[in-house]
Amino acid sequence: MNKKLLVLVVLGLLFISPVVNSTGQADFGGKLDDDNLSITTSLDYSWVAGKFERDIEFDYRYKDEDEIVTTNKGLIAFKQRYEFKPKHYTFGLVRYDYNEFRPITHRRQVNVGWGYKLIRSDKIKMSNEFAVGYLNSKMDMPNSNSVNEVLFRNSLWFFYKVAPKLNFTNKFLYEDSNIPLIRNETAFNYLLTDKIKISLKNVYTEDPDNSNFLSVNVGYRF
């Protein structure tokens, strides 16, 4: 994943966010001590374009222990939604994810689906999405061939406002393919100001190996 590209994307979104009808947040966390280095970055950005809502999601995680890289994974996704009736919407999704230490290094997908806003209140929000798509996957090895298949995916998002400055979120994703993928992201977020927050986040994945990545992050809301 290109770290310079991430910096340009974040700076660009911070620049245009006051101009367009948009919301988003960027988080950064990391640790450097002796020969150990860990980096976590994430970006969620949404804006309105006519009758459509558009979302960008970016996530990158890196860990180096005693000069040995143990984690190097990331994803970027673009989604366009159209709400055709209250609480119901259709969407198209394009997503790419990378994991250096996974049997399948690269996964590219295009999906169409339906979403339903299960709960919408000031304190609790919950929505579910189901989609069918096309998945192209490839191992990062010489002479390896890519594999094309049909993909079924379901994601469940939950938000709970614990207190005026504290909230809890959980995003669960399941993708059914030849090698299924599970990703669950849990976070507690505390607002220091209207724009600055700190968060405790854990990302659990099965693709197919199990892994947990716990991090403390500083975030900016725009």
Protein backbone atom coordinates (compact mmCIF):
# COMPACT_ATOMS: atom_id res chain seq x y z
CA MET A 1 0.00 0.00 0.00
CA ASN A 2 1.35 3.44 -0.92
CA LYS A 3 1.80 5.54 2.26
CA LYS A 4 2.43 8.74 0.25
CA LEU A 5 -0.93 8.22 -1.48
CA LEU A 6 -2.63 7.96 1.93
CA VAL A 7 -1.14 11.29 3.03
CA LEU A 8 -2.32 12.98 -0.18
CA VAL A 9 -5.84 11.55 0.17
CA VAL A 10 -6.15 12.69 3.80
CA LEU A 11 -4.84 16.19 3.07
CA GLY A 12 -7.13 16.51 0.05
CA LEU A 13 -10.21 15.48 2.00
CA LEU A 14 -9.36 17.81 4.87
CA PHE A 15 -9.10 20.63 2.34
CA ILE A 16 -12.42 20.05 0.55
CA SER A 17 -14.49 18.96 3.57
CA PRO A 18 -15.56 22.51 4.56
CA VAL A 19 -16.69 23.16 0.97
CA VAL A 20 -18.89 20.17 0.16
CA ASN A 21 -21.69 18.49 2.12
CA SER A 22 -19.50 15.87 3.71
CA THR A 23 -18.53 14.12 6.93
CA GLY A 24 -15.64 11.90 7.87
CA GLN A 25 -12.88 10.97 10.24
CA ALA A 26 -9.21 10.02 10.02
CA ASP A 27 -7.40 7.98 12.69
CA PHE A 28 -3.70 7.40 13.26
CA GLY A 29 -1.90 5.27 15.79
CA GLY A 30 1.52 3.73 16.18
CA LYS A 31 4.43 2.78 18.38
CA LEU A 32 8.18 2.93 17.98
CA ASP A 33 10.52 1.48 20.58
CA ASP A 34 13.90 -0.23 20.13
CA ASP A 35 13.53 -2.35 16.99
CA ASN A 36 9.71 -2.54 17.05
CA LEU A 37 7.41 -0.43 14.89
CA SER A 38 3.66 -0.52 14.46
CA ILE A 39 1.44 1.79 12.38
CA THR A 40 -2.33 1.98 12.05
CA THR A 41 -4.20 4.40 9.81
CA SER A 42 -7.83 4.60 8.77
CA LEU A 43 -10.07 7.00 6.90
CA ASP A 44 -13.87 7.08 6.55
CA TYR A 45 -15.33 9.81 4.36
CA SER A 46 -18.89 10.40 3.07
CA TRP A 47 -20.44 13.06 0.87
CA VAL A 48 -23.66 13.76 -1.04
CA ALA A 49 -23.70 13.96 -4.84
CA GLY A 50 -27.20 14.76 -6.11
CA LYS A 51 -29.49 11.84 -5.20
CA PHE A 52 -26.56 9.65 -4.18
CA GLU A 53 -24.42 9.26 -1.07
CA ARG A 54 -20.81 8.23 -1.59
CA ASP A 55 -18.40 6.65 0.89
CA ILE A 56 -14.66 6.03 0.90
CA GLU A 57 -13.04 3.67 3.40
CA PHE A 58 -9.29 3.21 3.81
CA ASP A 59 -7.42 1.11 6.37
CA TYR A 60 -3.73 0.19 6.66
CA ARG A 61 -1.87 -1.78 9.38
CA TYR A 62 1.83 -2.51 9.64
CA LYS A 63 3.92 -4.18 12.37
CA ASP A 64 7.67 -4.79 12.49
CA GLU A 65 9.11 -6.76 15.42
CA ASP A 66 12.90 -7.05 15.78
CA GLU A 67 13.26 -5.92 12.14
CA ILE A 68 10.94 -8.72 10.98
CA VAL A 69 7.67 -7.64 9.34
CA THR A 70 4.76 -9.58 10.86
CA THR A 71 1.80 -7.51 9.60
CA ASN A 72 1.34 -5.65 6.33
CA LYS A 73 -2.29 -5.37 5.28
CA GLY A 74 -4.73 -2.77 4.02
CA LEU A 75 -7.92 -2.07 2.13
CA ILE A 76 -9.60 0.70 0.16
CA ALA A 77 -13.28 0.75 -0.83
CA PHE A 78 -15.68 3.07 -2.65
CA LYS A 79 -19.46 2.80 -2.24
CA GLN A 80 -22.33 4.71 -3.85
CA ARG A 81 -25.77 4.51 -2.24
CA TYR A 82 -29.26 5.47 -3.38
CA GLU A 83 -32.12 5.55 -0.84
CA PHE A 84 -35.24 4.56 -2.82
CA LYS A 85 -37.57 4.56 0.22
CA PRO A 86 -37.22 5.35 3.94
CA LYS A 87 -34.65 3.00 5.52
CA HIS A 88 -34.09 1.08 2.26
CA TYR A 89 -31.26 1.73 -0.20
CA THR A 90 -29.36 0.09 -3.03
CA PHE A 91 -25.63 0.42 -3.45
CA GLY A 92 -22.66 -0.40 -5.63
CA LEU A 93 -19.30 -1.24 -4.04
CA VAL A 94 -15.75 -1.51 -5.38
CA ARG A 95 -13.14 -2.85 -2.94
CA TYR A 96 -9.48 -3.88 -2.94
CA ASP A 97 -7.71 -5.52 -0.02
CA TYR A 98 -4.12 -6.64 0.40
CA ASN A 99 -2.39 -8.89 2.92
CA GLU A 100 1.27 -9.79 2.45
CA PHE A 101 1.01 -12.83 4.74
CA ARG A 102 -2.24 -14.31 3.42
CA PRO A 103 -2.33 -17.23 0.95
CA ILE A 104 -4.22 -14.93 -1.44
CA THR A 105 -2.34 -11.63 -1.40
CA HIS A 106 -4.66 -9.50 -3.55
CA ARG A 107 -8.49 -9.45 -3.59
CA ARG A 108 -10.44 -7.18 -5.96
CA GLN A 109 -14.22 -7.09 -6.01
CA VAL A 110 -17.24 -5.34 -7.53
CA ASN A 111 -20.64 -5.71 -5.85
CA VAL A 112 -24.26 -4.56 -6.03
CA GLY A 113 -26.59 -4.91 -3.08
CA TRP A 114 -29.39 -3.81 -0.79
CA GLY A 115 -29.14 -2.11 2.58
CA TYR A 116 -31.64 -1.63 5.39
CA LYS A 117 -31.43 0.85 8.27
CA LEU A 118 -32.61 -1.33 11.14
CA ILE A 119 -32.44 1.34 13.87
CA ARG A 120 -32.05 5.11 13.63
CA SER A 121 -32.10 7.27 16.76
CA ASP A 122 -29.81 9.80 18.41
CA LYS A 123 -28.44 7.11 20.73
CA ILE A 124 -28.50 3.91 18.66
CA LYS A 125 -27.93 3.31 14.94
CA MET A 126 -27.81 -0.04 13.17
CA SER A 127 -27.85 -1.12 9.52
CA ASN A 128 -27.31 -4.29 7.49
CA GLU A 129 -26.14 -4.75 3.91
CA PHE A 130 -26.24 -7.77 1.61
CA ALA A 131 -24.52 -7.88 -1.76
CA VAL A 132 -23.61 -10.18 -4.63
CA GLY A 133 -20.48 -9.53 -6.61
CA TYR A 134 -17.49 -10.59 -8.65
CA LEU A 135 -14.21 -11.43 -6.91
CA ASN A 136 -10.79 -11.54 -8.53
CA SER A 137 -8.01 -12.91 -6.30
CA LYS A 138 -4.32 -13.53 -6.91
CA MET A 139 -1.31 -14.84 -5.02
CA ASP A 140 1.79 -12.64 -5.05
CA MET A 141 4.02 -15.33 -6.57
CA PRO A 142 5.72 -15.71 -9.97
CA ASN A 143 3.55 -17.36 -12.62
CA SER A 144 0.51 -17.51 -10.32
CA ASN A 145 -2.87 -17.22 -12.02
CA SER A 146 -5.74 -15.08 -10.80
CA VAL A 147 -9.02 -16.71 -9.76
CA ASN A 148 -12.46 -15.32 -10.63
CA GLU A 149 -15.59 -16.28 -8.71
CA VAL A 150 -19.00 -15.14 -7.49
CA LEU A 151 -18.95 -13.47 -4.08
CA PHE A 152 -21.70 -13.14 -1.47
CA ARG A 153 -21.14 -10.62 1.31
CA ASN A 154 -23.04 -9.38 4.35
CA SER A 155 -22.08 -6.53 6.67
CA LEU A 156 -23.65 -5.32 9.90
CA TRP A 157 -22.87 -1.89 11.40
CA PHE A 158 -23.79 -0.81 14.95
CA PHE A 159 -23.37 2.52 16.79
CA TYR A 160 -24.19 3.25 20.45
CA LYS A 161 -23.79 6.61 22.16
CA VAL A 162 -22.69 5.63 25.66
CA ALA A 163 -22.36 9.21 26.91
CA PRO A 164 -22.27 12.70 25.33
CA LYS A 165 -18.55 12.32 24.52
CA LEU A 166 -18.22 8.52 24.39
CA ASN A 167 -19.50 6.11 21.74
CA PHE A 168 -19.08 2.47 20.75
CA THR A 169 -19.06 1.12 17.18
CA ASN A 170 -18.87 -2.35 15.68
CA LYS A 171 -18.55 -3.30 12.00
CA PHE A 172 -18.88 -6.99 11.12
CA LEU A 173 -18.21 -8.29 7.59
CA TYR A 174 -18.57 -11.81 6.20
CA GLU A 175 -17.62 -12.68 2.61
CA ASP A 176 -18.50 -16.11 1.24
CA SER A 177 -16.04 -17.31 -1.42
CA ASN A 178 -13.64 -20.23 -1.96
CA ILE A 179 -11.64 -18.81 0.95
CA PRO A 180 -14.16 -16.99 3.18
CA LEU A 181 -13.24 -13.74 4.91
CA ILE A 182 -14.42 -12.47 8.30
CA ARG A 183 -13.55 -9.00 9.57
CA ASN A 184 -14.84 -7.47 12.79
CA GLU A 185 -13.84 -3.95 13.85
CA THR A 186 -14.71 -2.78 17.37
CA ALA A 187 -13.96 0.68 18.72
CA PHE A 188 -14.57 2.94 21.71
CA ASN A 189 -14.26 6.62 20.77
CA TYR A 190 -13.91 9.54 23.19
CA LEU A 191 -14.24 13.15 22.02
CA LEU A 192 -11.61 15.50 23.42
CA THR A 193 -13.03 18.41 21.38
CA ASP A 194 -15.58 18.76 18.59
CA LYS A 195 -12.86 17.70 16.12
CA ILE A 196 -10.27 15.64 18.04
CA LYS A 197 -10.89 12.19 19.49
CA ILE A 198 -9.00 9.24 20.91
CA SER A 199 -10.06 5.65 20.35
CA LEU A 200 -9.33 2.11 21.45
CA LYS A 201 -9.81 -0.14 18.42
CA ASN A 202 -9.51 -3.85 17.75
CA VAL A 203 -9.67 -5.47 14.32
CA TYR A 204 -10.18 -9.23 14.16
CA THR A 205 -9.82 -11.06 10.84
CA GLU A 206 -10.07 -14.59 9.49
CA ASP A 207 -8.77 -14.86 5.93
CA PRO A 208 -8.17 -17.78 6.58
CA ASP A 209 -5.69 -17.29 9.49
CA ASN A 210 -6.97 -15.61 12.66
CA SER A 211 -5.47 -12.32 13.79
CA ASN A 212 -6.21 -9.51 16.25
CA PHE A 213 -4.79 -5.99 15.96
CA LEU A 214 -5.38 -3.78 19.01
CA SER A 215 -4.44 -0.11 18.80
CA VAL A 216 -4.85 3.25 20.52
CA ASN A 217 -5.46 6.02 17.97
CA VAL A 218 -5.78 9.77 17.74
CA GLY A 219 -8.46 10.91 15.30
CA TYR A 220 -9.71 14.02 13.55
CA ARG A 221 -13.37 14.53 12.59
CA PHE A 222 -14.30 16.72 9.62
